[in-house]
């Protein structure tokens, strides 16, 4: 484990952004798959892929493959935060899309295409 590892350091921002982008990219790819299982579980699969990449990076750090001083629990926490942020963003966008579809359907029902002669 790294000593002197600061909570608010540039590498923590890099961990958050990397995991956020990996989660979004993997979820987007899974969501566009021809396989229904992958489409239904796109977000959890994206989260799992991102966490796996983050864990692999920490294992590589501990093995000194990147010249690091070792694995960091704070880096892992930043990875988790990035994944959680991505999941929250995807959930928020999905909720807004559902709301917009419901409003559009309600408006279409209200104006069912008939023309009033009054």
C-alpha atoms as a PDB file:
ATOM      1  CA  UNK A   1       0.000   0.000   0.000  1.00  0.00           C
ATOM      2  CA  UNK A   2       1.145   3.487  -0.807  1.00  0.00           C
ATOM      3  CA  UNK A   3       2.170   5.771   2.019  1.00  0.00           C
ATOM      4  CA  UNK A   4       1.451   9.461   1.735  1.00  0.00           C
ATOM      5  CA  UNK A   5      -1.351   8.862  -0.759  1.00  0.00           C
ATOM      6  CA  UNK A   6      -3.479  12.037  -0.782  1.00  0.00           C
ATOM      7  CA  UNK A   7      -7.254  11.890  -1.141  1.00  0.00           C
ATOM      8  CA  UNK A   8      -7.374  14.957  -3.373  1.00  0.00           C
ATOM      9  CA  UNK A   9      -4.608  14.347  -5.879  1.00  0.00           C
ATOM     10  CA  UNK A  10      -4.573  14.454  -9.665  1.00  0.00           C
ATOM     11  CA  UNK A  11      -4.383  10.673  -9.925  1.00  0.00           C
ATOM     12  CA  UNK A  12      -7.661  10.325  -7.997  1.00  0.00           C
ATOM     13  CA  UNK A  13      -9.374  12.533 -10.579  1.00  0.00           C
ATOM     14  CA  UNK A  14      -7.844  10.354 -13.285  1.00  0.00           C
ATOM     15  CA  UNK A  15      -9.206   7.224 -11.585  1.00  0.00           C
ATOM     16  CA  UNK A  16     -12.697   8.750 -11.293  1.00  0.00           C
ATOM     17  CA  UNK A  17     -12.761   9.891 -14.917  1.00  0.00           C
ATOM     18  CA  UNK A  18     -11.293   6.661 -16.278  1.00  0.00           C
ATOM     19  CA  UNK A  19     -13.811   4.474 -14.458  1.00  0.00           C
ATOM     20  CA  UNK A  20     -16.673   6.801 -15.354  1.00  0.00           C
ATOM     21  CA  UNK A  21     -15.755   6.653 -19.048  1.00  0.00           C
ATOM     22  CA  UNK A  22     -15.105   2.900 -19.043  1.00  0.00           C
ATOM     23  CA  UNK A  23     -18.485   2.310 -17.392  1.00  0.00           C
ATOM     24  CA  UNK A  24     -20.294   4.532 -19.893  1.00  0.00           C
ATOM     25  CA  UNK A  25     -18.498   3.025 -22.890  1.00  0.00           C
ATOM     26  CA  UNK A  26     -19.022  -0.587 -21.828  1.00  0.00           C
ATOM     27  CA  UNK A  27     -22.688   0.064 -20.973  1.00  0.00           C
ATOM     28  CA  UNK A  28     -23.219   1.781 -24.342  1.00  0.00           C
ATOM     29  CA  UNK A  29     -21.640  -1.138 -26.190  1.00  0.00           C
ATOM     30  CA  UNK A  30     -23.696  -3.688 -24.274  1.00  0.00           C
ATOM     31  CA  UNK A  31     -26.836  -1.607 -24.813  1.00  0.00           C
ATOM     32  CA  UNK A  32     -26.348  -1.803 -28.571  1.00  0.00           C
ATOM     33  CA  UNK A  33     -25.748  -5.529 -28.642  1.00  0.00           C
ATOM     34  CA  UNK A  34     -27.939  -7.873 -30.645  1.00  0.00           C
ATOM     35  CA  UNK A  35     -28.187 -10.073 -27.549  1.00  0.00           C
ATOM     36  CA  UNK A  36     -31.203  -9.225 -25.346  1.00  0.00           C
ATOM     37  CA  UNK A  37     -29.400 -10.308 -22.158  1.00  0.00           C
ATOM     38  CA  UNK A  38     -26.597  -7.813 -22.781  1.00  0.00           C
ATOM     39  CA  UNK A  39     -29.048  -5.019 -23.576  1.00  0.00           C
ATOM     40  CA  UNK A  40     -31.103  -5.674 -20.431  1.00  0.00           C
ATOM     41  CA  UNK A  41     -28.031  -5.723 -18.194  1.00  0.00           C
ATOM     42  CA  UNK A  42     -25.950  -3.052 -19.930  1.00  0.00           C
ATOM     43  CA  UNK A  43     -25.363  -0.855 -16.875  1.00  0.00           C
ATOM     44  CA  UNK A  44     -24.359  -3.642 -14.453  1.00  0.00           C
ATOM     45  CA  UNK A  45     -22.055  -5.079 -17.123  1.00  0.00           C
ATOM     46  CA  UNK A  46     -20.491  -1.666 -17.673  1.00  0.00           C
ATOM     47  CA  UNK A  47     -19.962  -1.264 -13.929  1.00  0.00           C
ATOM     48  CA  UNK A  48     -18.417  -4.715 -13.645  1.00  0.00           C
ATOM     49  CA  UNK A  49     -16.082  -4.083 -16.578  1.00  0.00           C
ATOM     50  CA  UNK A  50     -14.900  -0.810 -15.094  1.00  0.00           C
ATOM     51  CA  UNK A  51     -14.359  -2.278 -11.634  1.00  0.00           C
ATOM     52  CA  UNK A  52     -12.426  -5.176 -13.176  1.00  0.00           C
ATOM     53  CA  UNK A  53     -10.145  -2.745 -15.015  1.00  0.00           C
ATOM     54  CA  UNK A  54      -9.634  -0.718 -11.832  1.00  0.00           C
ATOM     55  CA  UNK A  55      -8.843  -3.833  -9.804  1.00  0.00           C
ATOM     56  CA  UNK A  56      -6.416  -5.058 -12.464  1.00  0.00           C
ATOM     57  CA  UNK A  57      -4.658  -1.689 -12.369  1.00  0.00           C
ATOM     58  CA  UNK A  58      -4.276  -1.894  -8.592  1.00  0.00           C
ATOM     59  CA  UNK A  59      -2.920  -5.450  -8.843  1.00  0.00           C
ATOM     60  CA  UNK A  60      -0.423  -4.221 -11.441  1.00  0.00           C
ATOM     61  CA  UNK A  61       0.522  -1.325  -9.150  1.00  0.00           C
ATOM     62  CA  UNK A  62       1.110  -3.725  -6.278  1.00  0.00           C
ATOM     63  CA  UNK A  63       3.289  -5.865  -8.562  1.00  0.00           C
ATOM     64  CA  UNK A  64       5.260  -2.683  -9.410  1.00  0.00           C
ATOM     65  CA  UNK A  65       4.543  -3.027 -13.147  1.00  0.00           C
ATOM     66  CA  UNK A  66       4.051   0.724 -13.632  1.00  0.00           C
ATOM     67  CA  UNK A  67       6.757   2.001 -11.330  1.00  0.00           C
ATOM     68  CA  UNK A  68       4.174   2.695  -8.644  1.00  0.00           C
ATOM     69  CA  UNK A  69       4.868   2.377  -4.960  1.00  0.00           C
ATOM     70  CA  UNK A  70       2.021  -0.123  -4.604  1.00  0.00           C
ATOM     71  CA  UNK A  71      -1.723  -0.543  -4.594  1.00  0.00           C
ATOM     72  CA  UNK A  72      -3.864   2.152  -3.030  1.00  0.00           C
ATOM     73  CA  UNK A  73      -7.196   1.824  -1.288  1.00  0.00           C
ATOM     74  CA  UNK A  74      -7.802   5.480  -2.096  1.00  0.00           C
ATOM     75  CA  UNK A  75      -7.355   4.746  -5.800  1.00  0.00           C
ATOM     76  CA  UNK A  76      -9.869   1.921  -5.451  1.00  0.00           C
ATOM     77  CA  UNK A  77     -12.271   4.297  -3.690  1.00  0.00           C
ATOM     78  CA  UNK A  78     -11.869   6.776  -6.544  1.00  0.00           C
ATOM     79  CA  UNK A  79     -12.621   3.947  -8.983  1.00  0.00           C
ATOM     80  CA  UNK A  80     -15.799   3.112  -7.069  1.00  0.00           C
ATOM     81  CA  UNK A  81     -16.817   6.763  -7.043  1.00  0.00           C
ATOM     82  CA  UNK A  82     -16.363   6.979 -10.823  1.00  0.00           C
ATOM     83  CA  UNK A  83     -18.488   3.877 -11.368  1.00  0.00           C
ATOM     84  CA  UNK A  84     -21.191   5.161  -8.994  1.00  0.00           C
ATOM     85  CA  UNK A  85     -21.214   8.529 -10.744  1.00  0.00           C
ATOM     86  CA  UNK A  86     -21.607   6.857 -14.144  1.00  0.00           C
ATOM     87  CA  UNK A  87     -24.428   4.647 -12.842  1.00  0.00           C
ATOM     88  CA  UNK A  88     -26.198   7.691 -11.421  1.00  0.00           C
ATOM     89  CA  UNK A  89     -25.846   9.576 -14.714  1.00  0.00           C
ATOM     90  CA  UNK A  90     -27.166   6.636 -16.770  1.00  0.00           C
ATOM     91  CA  UNK A  91     -30.088   6.180 -14.367  1.00  0.00           C
ATOM     92  CA  UNK A  92     -30.932   9.879 -14.485  1.00  0.00           C
ATOM     93  CA  UNK A  93     -30.876   9.965 -18.296  1.00  0.00           C
ATOM     94  CA  UNK A  94     -33.040   6.822 -18.457  1.00  0.00           C
ATOM     95  CA  UNK A  95     -35.559   8.354 -16.046  1.00  0.00           C
ATOM     96  CA  UNK A  96     -35.723  11.581 -18.053  1.00  0.00           C
ATOM     97  CA  UNK A  97     -36.232   9.626 -21.283  1.00  0.00           C
ATOM     98  CA  UNK A  98     -39.048   7.586 -19.741  1.00  0.00           C
ATOM     99  CA  UNK A  99     -40.728  10.762 -18.484  1.00  0.00           C
ATOM    100  CA  UNK A 100     -40.450  12.394 -21.903  1.00  0.00           C
ATOM    101  CA  UNK A 101     -41.967   9.312 -23.592  1.00  0.00           C
ATOM    102  CA  UNK A 102     -44.872   9.260 -21.118  1.00  0.00           C
ATOM    103  CA  UNK A 103     -45.549  12.964 -21.686  1.00  0.00           C
ATOM    104  CA  UNK A 104     -45.382  12.510 -25.450  1.00  0.00           C
ATOM    105  CA  UNK A 105     -47.791   9.548 -25.278  1.00  0.00           C
ATOM    106  CA  UNK A 106     -50.149  11.501 -23.022  1.00  0.00           C
ATOM    107  CA  UNK A 107     -50.082  14.462 -25.437  1.00  0.00           C
ATOM    108  CA  UNK A 108     -50.737  12.140 -28.370  1.00  0.00           C
ATOM    109  CA  UNK A 109     -53.709  10.628 -26.546  1.00  0.00           C
ATOM    110  CA  UNK A 110     -55.091  14.088 -25.742  1.00  0.00           C
ATOM    111  CA  UNK A 111     -54.868  15.105 -29.373  1.00  0.00           C
ATOM    112  CA  UNK A 112     -55.882  11.774 -30.869  1.00  0.00           C
ATOM    113  CA  UNK A 113     -55.648  13.166 -34.351  1.00  0.00           C
ATOM    114  CA  UNK A 114     -59.320  14.038 -34.684  1.00  0.00           C
ATOM    115  CA  UNK A 115     -60.316  17.474 -35.878  1.00  0.00           C
ATOM    116  CA  UNK A 116     -62.996  19.337 -34.043  1.00  0.00           C
ATOM    117  CA  UNK A 117     -65.636  21.010 -36.213  1.00  0.00           C
ATOM    118  CA  UNK A 118     -66.838  23.293 -33.435  1.00  0.00           C
END
